[in-house]
Amino acid sequence: MPGTVATRCARWAEPMNPNVSPAARIDVVLIASGKYHDIDYARLELLKLLAEDECMRVRVFEDYANLDAIRASRFLVTYTCDVVPSLEQQEALRVWVEGGGRWLALHGTNSILRFLDSGLVDSPAWAPHLMQTLGTQFIAHPPIAPYRVEVADPEHPLVRGIEPFETTDELYLLDAHPGLQVLLDTEFEGAAEGFVRDRWPRARHPVMYLRELGQGAVLYLTLGHCRGHYDLQPLMDYWPSVDRCAWELPVFHELLRRGLAWAGTRDIPHTPT
């Protein structure tokens, strides 16, 4: 019934903003594509979460080429691996964020991967403008194994009430720019075998952070690796397992819901974890 949608939208409407009607439509762009991940799975899971708010209307793309759609959106969600926008697109993304856009960037959005003749994987600094906007660039990860995620800023609404948790996922080792507000982090010391930069001293690494830029911001969450049987082609014809990593954890879905509420300038829901 039409009244049901209006009621739901009114429940989420921006508080104290007379310019937003109770049933205001929220335009969203989702970019989901890339290598070595089960993009179909991640895309579907994100669309299901977005569908929980019936005010959100989503357009889905595989790259950043439709700048008009991004400019017209309230917020942008990306789940990619080795998908690098052109310089023109990078500059437009920066202007859009600084003008008030909100970008929920997930997992491999900050990755550039090159497989060398030596067999190692390099993460070249070929898109500095993009990485400055995002706040980090992926460099390496150790083999997938359990690790503990800690809450770095427990009073922030995006992580308030979240308890430290263990996940089996890719632990992202990053080059970070100044000015990050780290919300979740983890500690690592050891080897990232198979990557050019494979030795890492003990340090804390962001898992979830905010980066404010002008009137907008980027919220980055590194968790969420997923892979199906055929997602390593052409490197490997058949991957023997189906990997879901943090997607199997209720706390990950809670963090995504909070991130989507933040991106849509909604009140952030708090479900006990």
C-alpha atoms as a PDB file:
ATOM      1  CA  MET A   1       0.000   0.000   0.000  1.00  0.00           C
ATOM      2  CA  PRO A   2       1.322   3.499  -0.786  1.00  0.00           C
ATOM      3  CA  GLY A   3       0.879   4.604   2.807  1.00  0.00           C
ATOM      4  CA  THR A   4       3.212   1.877   4.003  1.00  0.00           C
ATOM      5  CA  VAL A   5       6.121   3.190   1.942  1.00  0.00           C
ATOM      6  CA  ALA A   6       5.483   6.767   3.047  1.00  0.00           C
ATOM      7  CA  THR A   7       5.414   5.664   6.676  1.00  0.00           C
ATOM      8  CA  ARG A   8       8.692   3.813   6.363  1.00  0.00           C
ATOM      9  CA  CYS A   9      10.308   6.745   4.615  1.00  0.00           C
ATOM     10  CA  ALA A  10       9.005   9.140   7.236  1.00  0.00           C
ATOM     11  CA  ARG A  11      10.589   6.997   9.937  1.00  0.00           C
ATOM     12  CA  TRP A  12      13.971   7.489   8.292  1.00  0.00           C
ATOM     13  CA  ALA A  13      13.559  11.119   7.200  1.00  0.00           C
ATOM     14  CA  GLU A  14      16.387  13.519   7.983  1.00  0.00           C
ATOM     15  CA  PRO A  15      15.738  15.136  11.367  1.00  0.00           C
ATOM     16  CA  MET A  16      15.465  18.942  11.542  1.00  0.00           C
ATOM     17  CA  ASN A  17      15.722  19.350   7.751  1.00  0.00           C
ATOM     18  CA  PRO A  18      12.709  21.235   6.360  1.00  0.00           C
ATOM     19  CA  ASN A  19      13.926  20.705   2.787  1.00  0.00           C
ATOM     20  CA  VAL A  20      13.411  16.934   2.899  1.00  0.00           C
ATOM     21  CA  SER A  21       9.840  15.664   2.586  1.00  0.00           C
ATOM     22  CA  PRO A  22       8.742  12.641   4.629  1.00  0.00           C
ATOM     23  CA  ALA A  23       8.804  10.400   1.564  1.00  0.00           C
ATOM     24  CA  ALA A  24      11.876  11.879  -0.096  1.00  0.00           C
ATOM     25  CA  ARG A  25      13.466   9.648  -2.704  1.00  0.00           C
ATOM     26  CA  ILE A  26      17.135   8.816  -2.187  1.00  0.00           C
ATOM     27  CA  ASP A  27      19.091   8.096  -5.361  1.00  0.00           C
ATOM     28  CA  VAL A  28      21.974   5.682  -4.929  1.00  0.00           C
ATOM     29  CA  VAL A  29      24.691   4.456  -7.272  1.00  0.00           C
ATOM     30  CA  LEU A  30      26.187   1.017  -6.646  1.00  0.00           C
ATOM     31  CA  ILE A  31      29.359   0.047  -8.504  1.00  0.00           C
ATOM     32  CA  ALA A  32      30.159  -3.649  -8.156  1.00  0.00           C
ATOM     33  CA  SER A  33      32.731  -5.291 -10.401  1.00  0.00           C
ATOM     34  CA  GLY A  34      36.313  -6.447 -10.613  1.00  0.00           C
ATOM     35  CA  LYS A  35      38.651  -9.379 -10.403  1.00  0.00           C
ATOM     36  CA  TYR A  36      39.141 -12.419  -8.170  1.00  0.00           C
ATOM     37  CA  HIS A  37      35.966 -11.912  -6.088  1.00  0.00           C
ATOM     38  CA  ASP A  38      32.412 -13.220  -6.196  1.00  0.00           C
ATOM     39  CA  ILE A  39      31.004  -9.913  -7.367  1.00  0.00           C
ATOM     40  CA  ASP A  40      27.588 -11.452  -8.056  1.00  0.00           C
ATOM     41  CA  TYR A  41      27.283 -12.445  -4.395  1.00  0.00           C
ATOM     42  CA  ALA A  42      28.451  -9.076  -3.020  1.00  0.00           C
ATOM     43  CA  ARG A  43      26.218  -7.141  -5.428  1.00  0.00           C
ATOM     44  CA  LEU A  44      23.149  -9.154  -4.430  1.00  0.00           C
ATOM     45  CA  GLU A  45      23.830  -8.854  -0.696  1.00  0.00           C
ATOM     46  CA  LEU A  46      24.285  -5.095  -0.960  1.00  0.00           C
ATOM     47  CA  LEU A  47      21.116  -4.703  -3.012  1.00  0.00           C
ATOM     48  CA  LYS A  48      19.179  -6.676  -0.397  1.00  0.00           C
ATOM     49  CA  LEU A  49      20.432  -4.335   2.324  1.00  0.00           C
ATOM     50  CA  LEU A  50      19.605  -1.259   0.238  1.00  0.00           C
ATOM     51  CA  ALA A  51      16.110  -2.643  -0.389  1.00  0.00           C
ATOM     52  CA  GLU A  52      15.388  -2.535   3.345  1.00  0.00           C
ATOM     53  CA  ASP A  53      14.790   1.206   2.900  1.00  0.00           C
ATOM     54  CA  GLU A  54      12.053   1.666   0.322  1.00  0.00           C
ATOM     55  CA  CYS A  55      12.989   5.311  -0.256  1.00  0.00           C
ATOM     56  CA  MET A  56      16.266   4.238  -1.879  1.00  0.00           C
ATOM     57  CA  ARG A  57      16.320   3.870  -5.653  1.00  0.00           C
ATOM     58  CA  VAL A  58      19.496   2.213  -6.903  1.00  0.00           C
ATOM     59  CA  ARG A  59      21.302   2.263 -10.242  1.00  0.00           C
ATOM     60  CA  VAL A  60      23.987  -0.402 -10.692  1.00  0.00           C
ATOM     61  CA  PHE A  61      27.123  -0.056 -12.807  1.00  0.00           C
ATOM     62  CA  GLU A  62      30.409  -1.872 -13.394  1.00  0.00           C
ATOM     63  CA  ASP A  63      32.635   1.206 -13.510  1.00  0.00           C
ATOM     64  CA  TYR A  64      32.709   4.951 -12.877  1.00  0.00           C
ATOM     65  CA  ALA A  65      31.919   6.052 -16.435  1.00  0.00           C
ATOM     66  CA  ASN A  66      28.401   7.371 -15.754  1.00  0.00           C
ATOM     67  CA  LEU A  67      29.416  10.521 -13.944  1.00  0.00           C
ATOM     68  CA  ASP A  68      25.986  12.071 -14.453  1.00  0.00           C
ATOM     69  CA  ALA A  69      24.407   9.271 -12.423  1.00  0.00           C
ATOM     70  CA  ILE A  70      26.972   9.717  -9.639  1.00  0.00           C
ATOM     71  CA  ARG A  71      26.487  13.495  -9.580  1.00  0.00           C
ATOM     72  CA  ALA A  72      22.718  13.027  -9.310  1.00  0.00           C
ATOM     73  CA  SER A  73      22.975  10.507  -6.464  1.00  0.00           C
ATOM     74  CA  ARG A  74      22.759  11.109  -2.730  1.00  0.00           C
ATOM     75  CA  PHE A  75      25.474   8.564  -2.152  1.00  0.00           C
ATOM     76  CA  LEU A  76      27.793   6.059  -3.798  1.00  0.00           C
ATOM     77  CA  VAL A  77      28.522   2.467  -2.743  1.00  0.00           C
ATOM     78  CA  THR A  78      31.450   0.587  -4.278  1.00  0.00           C
ATOM     79  CA  TYR A  79      32.571  -3.033  -4.024  1.00  0.00           C
ATOM     80  CA  THR A  80      35.336  -3.513  -6.567  1.00  0.00           C
ATOM     81  CA  CYS A  81      38.767  -5.005  -7.101  1.00  0.00           C
ATOM     82  CA  ASP A  82      41.298  -3.441  -9.456  1.00  0.00           C
ATOM     83  CA  VAL A  83      38.718  -1.114 -11.021  1.00  0.00           C
ATOM     84  CA  VAL A  84      40.482   2.215 -11.536  1.00  0.00           C
ATOM     85  CA  PRO A  85      38.592   5.273 -12.770  1.00  0.00           C
ATOM     86  CA  SER A  86      40.175   7.510 -15.386  1.00  0.00           C
ATOM     87  CA  LEU A  87      41.832  10.718 -14.220  1.00  0.00           C
ATOM     88  CA  GLU A  88      38.778  12.691 -15.359  1.00  0.00           C
ATOM     89  CA  GLN A  89      36.558  10.381 -13.306  1.00  0.00           C
ATOM     90  CA  GLN A  90      38.879  10.594 -10.285  1.00  0.00           C
ATOM     91  CA  GLU A  91      38.742  14.384 -10.386  1.00  0.00           C
ATOM     92  CA  ALA A  92      34.945  14.343 -10.737  1.00  0.00           C
ATOM     93  CA  LEU A  93      34.603  11.962  -7.783  1.00  0.00           C
ATOM     94  CA  ARG A  94      36.708  14.279  -5.630  1.00  0.00           C
ATOM     95  CA  VAL A  95      34.603  17.310  -6.585  1.00  0.00           C
ATOM     96  CA  TRP A  96      31.392  15.343  -5.905  1.00  0.00           C
ATOM     97  CA  VAL A  97      32.542  14.266  -2.431  1.00  0.00           C
ATOM     98  CA  GLU A  98      33.818  17.730  -1.522  1.00  0.00           C
ATOM     99  CA  GLY A  99      30.468  19.157  -2.611  1.00  0.00           C
ATOM    100  CA  GLY A 100      28.602  17.001  -0.099  1.00  0.00           C
ATOM    101  CA  GLY A 101      28.564  13.482  -1.548  1.00  0.00           C
ATOM    102  CA  ARG A 102      28.971  10.466   0.697  1.00  0.00           C
ATOM    103  CA  TRP A 103      30.882   7.407  -0.491  1.00  0.00           C
ATOM    104  CA  LEU A 104      30.639   4.028   1.230  1.00  0.00           C
ATOM    105  CA  ALA A 105      33.732   2.261  -0.120  1.00  0.00           C
ATOM    106  CA  LEU A 106      34.085  -1.443   0.559  1.00  0.00           C
ATOM    107  CA  HIS A 107      36.867  -4.007   0.480  1.00  0.00           C
ATOM    108  CA  GLY A 108      38.970  -3.724  -2.692  1.00  0.00           C
ATOM    109  CA  THR A 109      37.803  -0.303  -3.876  1.00  0.00           C
ATOM    110  CA  ASN A 110      41.318   1.023  -3.129  1.00  0.00           C
ATOM    111  CA  SER A 111      43.197  -1.742  -4.969  1.00  0.00           C
ATOM    112  CA  ILE A 112      45.437  -1.708  -8.025  1.00  0.00           C
ATOM    113  CA  LEU A 113      46.953  -5.133  -8.724  1.00  0.00           C
ATOM    114  CA  ARG A 114      49.667  -6.120 -11.164  1.00  0.00           C
ATOM    115  CA  PHE A 115      51.012  -9.669 -11.450  1.00  0.00           C
ATOM    116  CA  LEU A 116      54.737  -9.570 -12.182  1.00  0.00           C
ATOM    117  CA  ASP A 117      56.859 -12.057 -14.112  1.00  0.00           C
ATOM    118  CA  SER A 118      58.464 -12.953 -10.785  1.00  0.00           C
ATOM    119  CA  GLY A 119      55.106 -14.314  -9.607  1.00  0.00           C
ATOM    120  CA  LEU A 120      54.684 -11.546  -7.034  1.00  0.00           C
ATOM    121  CA  VAL A 121      51.749  -9.159  -6.847  1.00  0.00           C
ATOM    122  CA  ASP A 122      52.500  -5.437  -6.934  1.00  0.00           C
ATOM    123  CA  SER A 123      50.240  -2.564  -5.881  1.00  0.00           C
ATOM    124  CA  PRO A 124      51.595   0.348  -7.946  1.00  0.00           C
ATOM    125  CA  ALA A 125      50.797   3.950  -7.033  1.00  0.00           C
ATOM    126  CA  TRP A 126      49.196   4.679 -10.395  1.00  0.00           C
ATOM    127  CA  ALA A 127      46.103   6.544  -9.169  1.00  0.00           C
ATOM    128  CA  PRO A 128      47.258   8.892  -6.392  1.00  0.00           C
ATOM    129  CA  HIS A 129      44.301  11.245  -6.862  1.00  0.00           C
ATOM    130  CA  LEU A 130      41.837   8.409  -6.242  1.00  0.00           C
ATOM    131  CA  MET A 131      43.748   7.106  -3.241  1.00  0.00           C
ATOM    132  CA  GLN A 132      43.963  10.583  -1.713  1.00  0.00           C
ATOM    133  CA  THR A 133      40.189  10.834  -1.971  1.00  0.00           C
ATOM    134  CA  LEU A 134      39.667   7.377  -0.483  1.00  0.00           C
ATOM    135  CA  GLY A 135      42.327   7.943   2.166  1.00  0.00           C
ATOM    136  CA  THR A 136      44.230   4.676   1.649  1.00  0.00           C
ATOM    137  CA  GLN A 137      45.637   2.330  -0.964  1.00  0.00           C
ATOM    138  CA  PHE A 138      45.671  -1.436  -0.609  1.00  0.00           C
ATOM    139  CA  ILE A 139      49.222  -2.816  -0.634  1.00  0.00           C
ATOM    140  CA  ALA A 140      49.058  -6.441   0.546  1.00  0.00           C
ATOM    141  CA  HIS A 141      47.373  -8.943   2.820  1.00  0.00           C
ATOM    142  CA  PRO A 142      48.636 -12.023   4.644  1.00  0.00           C
ATOM    143  CA  PRO A 143      47.001 -15.394   3.917  1.00  0.00           C
ATOM    144  CA  ILE A 144      43.361 -15.454   4.973  1.00  0.00           C
ATOM    145  CA  ALA A 145      43.215 -16.423   8.654  1.00  0.00           C
ATOM    146  CA  PRO A 146      41.306 -15.417  11.789  1.00  0.00           C
ATOM    147  CA  TYR A 147      42.152 -12.037  13.318  1.00  0.00           C
ATOM    148  CA  ARG A 148      40.659  -9.766  15.953  1.00  0.00           C
ATOM    149  CA  VAL A 149      39.023  -6.457  15.085  1.00  0.00           C
ATOM    150  CA  GLU A 150      39.054  -3.817  17.842  1.00  0.00           C
ATOM    151  CA  VAL A 151      36.900  -0.711  18.262  1.00  0.00           C
ATOM    152  CA  ALA A 152      39.160   2.332  17.990  1.00  0.00           C
ATOM    153  CA  ASP A 153      36.510   5.029  18.607  1.00  0.00           C
ATOM    154  CA  PRO A 154      33.779   3.419  20.749  1.00  0.00           C
ATOM    155  CA  GLU A 155      31.735   6.623  21.152  1.00  0.00           C
ATOM    156  CA  HIS A 156      31.267   7.206  17.438  1.00  0.00           C
ATOM    157  CA  PRO A 157      27.679   6.423  16.341  1.00  0.00           C
ATOM    158  CA  LEU A 158      28.880   4.185  13.511  1.00  0.00           C
ATOM    159  CA  VAL A 159      30.481   1.749  15.966  1.00  0.00           C
ATOM    160  CA  ARG A 160      28.814   2.565  19.294  1.00  0.00           C
ATOM    161  CA  GLY A 161      27.865  -0.695  21.008  1.00  0.00           C
ATOM    162  CA  ILE A 162      29.987  -2.833  18.679  1.00  0.00           C
ATOM    163  CA  GLU A 163      32.126  -5.284  20.639  1.00  0.00           C
ATOM    164  CA  PRO A 164      35.564  -6.486  19.487  1.00  0.00           C
ATOM    165  CA  PHE A 165      35.108  -9.471  17.210  1.00  0.00           C
ATOM    166  CA  GLU A 166      37.071 -12.117  15.346  1.00  0.00           C
ATOM    167  CA  THR A 167      36.752 -12.588  11.615  1.00  0.00           C
ATOM    168  CA  THR A 168      38.370 -14.819   9.028  1.00  0.00           C
ATOM    169  CA  ASP A 169      38.972 -12.443   6.146  1.00  0.00           C
ATOM    170  CA  GLU A 170      41.669 -10.641   4.219  1.00  0.00           C
ATOM    171  CA  LEU A 171      43.559  -8.371   6.619  1.00  0.00           C
ATOM    172  CA  TYR A 172      44.273  -5.287   4.547  1.00  0.00           C
ATOM    173  CA  LEU A 173      47.715  -3.708   4.837  1.00  0.00           C
ATOM    174  CA  LEU A 174      47.462  -0.175   3.542  1.00  0.00           C
ATOM    175  CA  ASP A 175      49.296   3.008   2.705  1.00  0.00           C
ATOM    176  CA  ALA A 176      47.259   5.621   4.563  1.00  0.00           C
ATOM    177  CA  HIS A 177      46.972   9.376   4.097  1.00  0.00           C
ATOM    178  CA  PRO A 178      46.732  11.755   7.062  1.00  0.00           C
ATOM    179  CA  GLY A 179      43.368  12.812   8.397  1.00  0.00           C
ATOM    180  CA  LEU A 180      41.622   9.458   8.840  1.00  0.00           C
ATOM    181  CA  GLN A 181      39.200   9.007  11.719  1.00  0.00           C
ATOM    182  CA  VAL A 182      39.768   5.330  12.496  1.00  0.00           C
ATOM    183  CA  LEU A 183      36.691   3.548  13.874  1.00  0.00           C
ATOM    184  CA  LEU A 184      37.833  -0.099  13.780  1.00  0.00           C
ATOM    185  CA  ASP A 185      41.368  -1.431  13.556  1.00  0.00           C
ATOM    186  CA  THR A 186      43.544  -4.487  14.027  1.00  0.00           C
ATOM    187  CA  GLU A 187      47.171  -5.272  14.831  1.00  0.00           C
ATOM    188  CA  PHE A 188      49.483  -7.151  12.510  1.00  0.00           C
ATOM    189  CA  GLU A 189      53.132  -8.124  12.350  1.00  0.00           C
ATOM    190  CA  GLY A 190      54.535 -10.605   9.889  1.00  0.00           C
ATOM    191  CA  ALA A 191      54.651 -11.648   6.256  1.00  0.00           C
ATOM    192  CA  ALA A 192      52.283 -10.995   3.374  1.00  0.00           C
ATOM    193  CA  GLU A 193      53.545 -13.783   1.178  1.00  0.00           C
ATOM    194  CA  GLY A 194      53.194 -13.328  -2.544  1.00  0.00           C
ATOM    195  CA  PHE A 195      53.235  -9.529  -2.502  1.00  0.00           C
ATOM    196  CA  VAL A 196      56.123  -7.225  -3.417  1.00  0.00           C
ATOM    197  CA  ARG A 197      55.925  -5.561   0.011  1.00  0.00           C
ATOM    198  CA  ASP A 198      55.846  -8.713   2.068  1.00  0.00           C
ATOM    199  CA  ARG A 199      57.405  -7.763   5.429  1.00  0.00           C
ATOM    200  CA  TRP A 200      55.389  -5.693   7.867  1.00  0.00           C
ATOM    201  CA  PRO A 201      56.509  -4.573  11.337  1.00  0.00           C
ATOM    202  CA  ARG A 202      54.045  -4.581  14.201  1.00  0.00           C
ATOM    203  CA  ALA A 203      51.487  -1.825  13.753  1.00  0.00           C
ATOM    204  CA  ARG A 204      47.787  -1.134  13.887  1.00  0.00           C
ATOM    205  CA  HIS A 205      45.906  -1.049  10.611  1.00  0.00           C
ATOM    206  CA  PRO A 206      42.522   0.585   9.950  1.00  0.00           C
ATOM    207  CA  VAL A 207      39.595  -1.714   9.234  1.00  0.00           C
ATOM    208  CA  MET A 208      36.916   0.988   9.147  1.00  0.00           C
ATOM    209  CA  TYR A 209      37.486   4.722   8.978  1.00  0.00           C
ATOM    210  CA  LEU A 210      35.970   8.058   8.013  1.00  0.00           C
ATOM    211  CA  ARG A 211      37.673  10.599   5.801  1.00  0.00           C
ATOM    212  CA  GLU A 212      35.994  14.000   5.650  1.00  0.00           C
ATOM    213  CA  LEU A 213      36.546  16.049   2.506  1.00  0.00           C
ATOM    214  CA  GLY A 214      34.915  19.448   2.183  1.00  0.00           C
ATOM    215  CA  GLN A 215      31.188  19.048   2.815  1.00  0.00           C
ATOM    216  CA  GLY A 216      31.247  15.279   2.129  1.00  0.00           C
ATOM    217  CA  ALA A 217      33.059  12.206   3.330  1.00  0.00           C
ATOM    218  CA  VAL A 218      34.251   8.703   2.555  1.00  0.00           C
ATOM    219  CA  LEU A 219      33.463   5.807   4.875  1.00  0.00           C
ATOM    220  CA  TYR A 220      35.759   2.853   4.159  1.00  0.00           C
ATOM    221  CA  LEU A 221      35.319  -0.724   5.418  1.00  0.00           C
ATOM    222  CA  THR A 222      38.026  -3.171   4.370  1.00  0.00           C
ATOM    223  CA  LEU A 223      36.185  -6.358   5.374  1.00  0.00           C
ATOM    224  CA  GLY A 224      34.046  -8.430   3.029  1.00  0.00           C
ATOM    225  CA  HIS A 225      36.164 -10.732   0.897  1.00  0.00           C
ATOM    226  CA  CYS A 226      34.153 -13.314  -1.030  1.00  0.00           C
ATOM    227  CA  ARG A 227      35.086 -15.796  -3.732  1.00  0.00           C
ATOM    228  CA  GLY A 228      33.303 -18.547  -5.650  1.00  0.00           C
ATOM    229  CA  HIS A 229      34.641 -21.503  -7.585  1.00  0.00           C
ATOM    230  CA  TYR A 230      35.320 -19.606 -10.819  1.00  0.00           C
ATOM    231  CA  ASP A 231      36.462 -16.196  -9.634  1.00  0.00           C
ATOM    232  CA  LEU A 232      40.219 -16.768  -9.976  1.00  0.00           C
ATOM    233  CA  GLN A 233      40.086 -17.386 -13.713  1.00  0.00           C
ATOM    234  CA  PRO A 234      42.330 -17.096 -15.683  1.00  0.00           C
ATOM    235  CA  LEU A 235      44.842 -17.592 -12.866  1.00  0.00           C
ATOM    236  CA  MET A 236      43.110 -20.783 -11.743  1.00  0.00           C
ATOM    237  CA  ASP A 237      40.249 -22.598 -13.470  1.00  0.00           C
ATOM    238  CA  TYR A 238      38.539 -23.796 -10.305  1.00  0.00           C
ATOM    239  CA  TRP A 239      38.876 -22.545  -6.732  1.00  0.00           C
ATOM    240  CA  PRO A 240      38.062 -25.472  -4.420  1.00  0.00           C
ATOM    241  CA  SER A 241      36.053 -23.589  -1.800  1.00  0.00           C
ATOM    242  CA  VAL A 242      33.347 -20.930  -1.628  1.00  0.00           C
ATOM    243  CA  ASP A 243      34.635 -18.163   0.638  1.00  0.00           C
ATOM    244  CA  ARG A 244      32.255 -15.775   2.397  1.00  0.00           C
ATOM    245  CA  CYS A 245      34.528 -14.455   5.185  1.00  0.00           C
ATOM    246  CA  ALA A 246      33.000 -11.532   7.122  1.00  0.00           C
ATOM    247  CA  TRP A 247      29.753 -11.803   5.156  1.00  0.00           C
ATOM    248  CA  GLU A 248      28.882 -14.719   7.461  1.00  0.00           C
ATOM    249  CA  LEU A 249      29.001 -12.491  10.566  1.00  0.00           C
ATOM    250  CA  PRO A 250      25.944 -10.603  11.856  1.00  0.00           C
ATOM    251  CA  VAL A 251      28.247  -7.797  13.017  1.00  0.00           C
ATOM    252  CA  PHE A 252      29.411  -7.230   9.432  1.00  0.00           C
ATOM    253  CA  HIS A 253      25.818  -6.805   8.270  1.00  0.00           C
ATOM    254  CA  GLU A 254      25.238  -4.440  11.185  1.00  0.00           C
ATOM    255  CA  LEU A 255      28.218  -2.342  10.111  1.00  0.00           C
ATOM    256  CA  LEU A 256      26.924  -2.272   6.540  1.00  0.00           C
ATOM    257  CA  ARG A 257      23.458  -1.186   7.672  1.00  0.00           C
ATOM    258  CA  ARG A 258      24.964   1.591   9.750  1.00  0.00           C
ATOM    259  CA  GLY A 259      27.167   2.618   6.840  1.00  0.00           C
ATOM    260  CA  LEU A 260      24.205   2.798   4.477  1.00  0.00           C
ATOM    261  CA  ALA A 261      22.206   4.817   7.015  1.00  0.00           C
ATOM    262  CA  TRP A 262      25.161   7.208   7.385  1.00  0.00           C
ATOM    263  CA  ALA A 263      25.520   7.497   3.613  1.00  0.00           C
ATOM    264  CA  GLY A 264      21.828   8.296   3.237  1.00  0.00           C
ATOM    265  CA  THR A 265      22.076  10.865   6.060  1.00  0.00           C
ATOM    266  CA  ARG A 266      19.695   8.753   8.135  1.00  0.00           C
ATOM    267  CA  ASP A 267      19.593   8.180  11.851  1.00  0.00           C
ATOM    268  CA  ILE A 268      22.062   5.352  12.456  1.00  0.00           C
ATOM    269  CA  PRO A 269      20.305   2.228  13.756  1.00  0.00           C
ATOM    270  CA  HIS A 270      21.882   0.416  16.686  1.00  0.00           C
ATOM    271  CA  THR A 271      21.258  -3.309  16.923  1.00  0.00           C
ATOM    272  CA  PRO A 272      22.988  -5.027  19.883  1.00  0.00           C
ATOM    273  CA  THR A 273      25.965  -7.125  18.767  1.00  0.00           C
END
